C-alpha atoms as a PDB file:
ATOM      1  CA  MET A   1       0.000   0.000   0.000  1.00  0.00           C
ATOM      2  CA  ILE A   2       1.120   3.553  -0.724  1.00  0.00           C
ATOM      3  CA  GLN A   3       0.698   5.884   2.239  1.00  0.00           C
ATOM      4  CA  VAL A   4       0.542   9.627   1.687  1.00  0.00           C
ATOM      5  CA  GLN A   5       0.657  12.252   4.435  1.00  0.00           C
ATOM      6  CA  ALA A   6       0.225  15.966   3.807  1.00  0.00           C
ATOM      7  CA  VAL A   7       0.837  18.309   6.729  1.00  0.00           C
ATOM      8  CA  LYS A   8      -0.782  21.733   6.891  1.00  0.00           C
ATOM      9  CA  GLN A   9      -0.297  24.440   9.493  1.00  0.00           C
ATOM     10  CA  ASN A  10      -2.519  27.507   9.626  1.00  0.00           C
ATOM     11  CA  GLY A  11      -4.075  26.491   6.306  1.00  0.00           C
ATOM     12  CA  ARG A  12      -0.701  26.249   4.513  1.00  0.00           C
ATOM     13  CA  TYR A  13       1.110  23.121   3.439  1.00  0.00           C
ATOM     14  CA  LYS A  14       4.289  22.398   5.369  1.00  0.00           C
ATOM     15  CA  SER A  15       5.336  18.965   4.138  1.00  0.00           C
ATOM     16  CA  PHE A  16       4.345  15.903   2.175  1.00  0.00           C
ATOM     17  CA  THR A  17       5.498  12.289   2.570  1.00  0.00           C
ATOM     18  CA  ILE A  18       4.866   9.227   0.461  1.00  0.00           C
ATOM     19  CA  GLU A  19       5.882   5.652   1.278  1.00  0.00           C
ATOM     20  CA  GLY A  20       5.281   2.146   0.043  1.00  0.00           C
ATOM     21  CA  HIS A  21       4.168   0.408  -3.117  1.00  0.00           C
ATOM     22  CA  ALA A  22       0.600  -0.037  -4.290  1.00  0.00           C
ATOM     23  CA  GLY A  23       0.809  -3.750  -4.991  1.00  0.00           C
ATOM     24  CA  TYR A  24      -2.140  -3.518  -7.364  1.00  0.00           C
ATOM     25  CA  ALA A  25      -0.315  -5.359 -10.164  1.00  0.00           C
ATOM     26  CA  ASP A  26       3.131  -6.546 -11.194  1.00  0.00           C
ATOM     27  CA  PRO A  27       5.891  -3.910 -11.432  1.00  0.00           C
ATOM     28  CA  GLY A  28       5.612  -2.062 -14.720  1.00  0.00           C
ATOM     29  CA  GLU A  29       1.889  -2.799 -14.938  1.00  0.00           C
ATOM     30  CA  ASP A  30       0.682  -1.231 -11.679  1.00  0.00           C
ATOM     31  CA  ILE A  31      -1.717   1.519 -12.727  1.00  0.00           C
ATOM     32  CA  VAL A  32      -2.221   2.749  -9.152  1.00  0.00           C
ATOM     33  CA  CYS A  33       1.511   3.261  -8.732  1.00  0.00           C
ATOM     34  CA  ALA A  34       1.704   4.935 -12.146  1.00  0.00           C
ATOM     35  CA  ALA A  35      -1.165   7.304 -11.319  1.00  0.00           C
ATOM     36  CA  VAL A  36       0.346   8.299  -7.976  1.00  0.00           C
ATOM     37  CA  SER A  37       3.774   8.806  -9.547  1.00  0.00           C
ATOM     38  CA  ALA A  38       2.381  10.959 -12.352  1.00  0.00           C
ATOM     39  CA  LEU A  39       0.392  13.135  -9.954  1.00  0.00           C
ATOM     40  CA  VAL A  40       3.290  13.645  -7.527  1.00  0.00           C
ATOM     41  CA  ILE A  41       5.917  14.336 -10.199  1.00  0.00           C
ATOM     42  CA  ASN A  42       3.587  16.748 -11.993  1.00  0.00           C
ATOM     43  CA  ALA A  43       2.887  18.619  -8.744  1.00  0.00           C
ATOM     44  CA  ILE A  44       6.599  18.988  -7.959  1.00  0.00           C
ATOM     45  CA  ASN A  45       7.428  20.058 -11.516  1.00  0.00           C
ATOM     46  CA  SER A  46       4.565  22.583 -11.491  1.00  0.00           C
ATOM     47  CA  ILE A  47       5.584  24.070  -8.148  1.00  0.00           C
ATOM     48  CA  GLU A  48       9.147  24.372  -9.398  1.00  0.00           C
ATOM     49  CA  LYS A  49       8.161  25.927 -12.754  1.00  0.00           C
ATOM     50  CA  PHE A  50       5.274  28.191 -11.780  1.00  0.00           C
ATOM     51  CA  THR A  51       6.225  29.409  -8.299  1.00  0.00           C
ATOM     52  CA  GLU A  52       9.264  30.655  -6.447  1.00  0.00           C
ATOM     53  CA  ASP A  53       8.446  28.649  -3.321  1.00  0.00           C
ATOM     54  CA  ALA A  54      11.441  26.895  -1.798  1.00  0.00           C
ATOM     55  CA  TYR A  55      11.422  23.273  -0.690  1.00  0.00           C
ATOM     56  CA  THR A  56      13.728  20.371   0.006  1.00  0.00           C
ATOM     57  CA  CYS A  57      13.094  16.952  -1.470  1.00  0.00           C
ATOM     58  CA  ASP A  58      14.190  13.556  -0.160  1.00  0.00           C
ATOM     59  CA  CYS A  59      14.592  11.434  -3.267  1.00  0.00           C
ATOM     60  CA  GLN A  60      16.109   7.956  -3.022  1.00  0.00           C
ATOM     61  CA  ASP A  61      16.614   5.398  -5.771  1.00  0.00           C
ATOM     62  CA  GLY A  62      14.412   7.382  -8.152  1.00  0.00           C
ATOM     63  CA  MET A  63      11.593   7.602  -5.606  1.00  0.00           C
ATOM     64  CA  ILE A  64      10.274  10.755  -3.983  1.00  0.00           C
ATOM     65  CA  LYS A  65       9.971  10.050  -0.261  1.00  0.00           C
ATOM     66  CA  SER A  66       9.120  13.504   1.045  1.00  0.00           C
ATOM     67  CA  TRP A  67       9.352  17.189   0.522  1.00  0.00           C
ATOM     68  CA  GLU A  68       9.214  20.057   2.955  1.00  0.00           C
ATOM     69  CA  PHE A  69       8.515  23.667   2.160  1.00  0.00           C
ATOM     70  CA  THR A  70      11.297  25.886   3.471  1.00  0.00           C
ATOM     71  CA  SER A  71       9.574  29.195   2.837  1.00  0.00           C
ATOM     72  CA  GLU A  72       6.095  30.644   3.094  1.00  0.00           C
ATOM     73  CA  VAL A  73       3.843  28.770   0.690  1.00  0.00           C
ATOM     74  CA  SER A  74       2.173  30.887  -1.976  1.00  0.00           C
ATOM     75  CA  GLU A  75      -1.447  30.684  -3.077  1.00  0.00           C
ATOM     76  CA  GLN A  76      -0.258  29.075  -6.330  1.00  0.00           C
ATOM     77  CA  THR A  77       1.501  26.265  -4.456  1.00  0.00           C
ATOM     78  CA  THR A  78      -1.508  25.814  -2.199  1.00  0.00           C
ATOM     79  CA  LEU A  79      -3.684  25.404  -5.283  1.00  0.00           C
ATOM     80  CA  LEU A  80      -1.236  22.940  -6.852  1.00  0.00           C
ATOM     81  CA  MET A  81      -1.056  20.936  -3.624  1.00  0.00           C
ATOM     82  CA  ASP A  82      -4.859  20.972  -3.286  1.00  0.00           C
ATOM     83  CA  SER A  83      -5.040  19.662  -6.852  1.00  0.00           C
ATOM     84  CA  LEU A  84      -2.528  16.921  -6.029  1.00  0.00           C
ATOM     85  CA  MET A  85      -4.494  15.890  -2.952  1.00  0.00           C
ATOM     86  CA  LEU A  86      -7.752  15.861  -4.948  1.00  0.00           C
ATOM     87  CA  GLY A  87      -6.175  13.614  -7.592  1.00  0.00           C
ATOM     88  CA  LEU A  88      -4.757  11.252  -4.971  1.00  0.00           C
ATOM     89  CA  ALA A  89      -8.090  11.104  -3.141  1.00  0.00           C
ATOM     90  CA  ASP A  90      -9.807  10.202  -6.429  1.00  0.00           C
ATOM     91  CA  VAL A  91      -7.314   7.374  -7.042  1.00  0.00           C
ATOM     92  CA  GLN A  92      -7.912   6.138  -3.490  1.00  0.00           C
ATOM     93  CA  LYS A  93     -11.669   6.284  -4.023  1.00  0.00           C
ATOM     94  CA  SER A  94     -11.424   4.394  -7.318  1.00  0.00           C
ATOM     95  CA  TYR A  95      -9.046   1.629  -6.193  1.00  0.00           C
ATOM     96  CA  GLY A  96      -9.478   1.525  -2.415  1.00  0.00           C
ATOM     97  CA  GLU A  97      -7.404   1.986   0.704  1.00  0.00           C
ATOM     98  CA  LYS A  98      -5.909  -1.444   0.179  1.00  0.00           C
ATOM     99  CA  TYR A  99      -3.630   0.176  -2.418  1.00  0.00           C
ATOM    100  CA  LEU A 100      -3.522   3.872  -1.457  1.00  0.00           C
ATOM    101  CA  LYS A 101      -4.214   5.665   1.801  1.00  0.00           C
ATOM    102  CA  VAL A 102      -4.239   9.461   1.774  1.00  0.00           C
ATOM    103  CA  ASN A 103      -4.017  11.302   5.102  1.00  0.00           C
ATOM    104  CA  ARG A 104      -4.444  15.045   5.463  1.00  0.00           C
END
């Protein structure tokens, strides 16, 4: 199961962690894992391209484990993070908490 945790303080995102593997299908064919990966990578790329918000990212073996915002989070980043969380919640709803659990 993939476990996602987004931390907010005073209505602003502070950090985001992601751990585990979906286990929905064999590696290379796991559509839950692919959906989560696409959503997370797109969110990070969008924050980097469209905002000036600073963050640190813990990436290991090609996997994004966590990121933490190191500056005040802009409205644009909040919107991008809200969009990420909406997408992840929809994947969880479609495939179940057996494969993805999203905590806010």
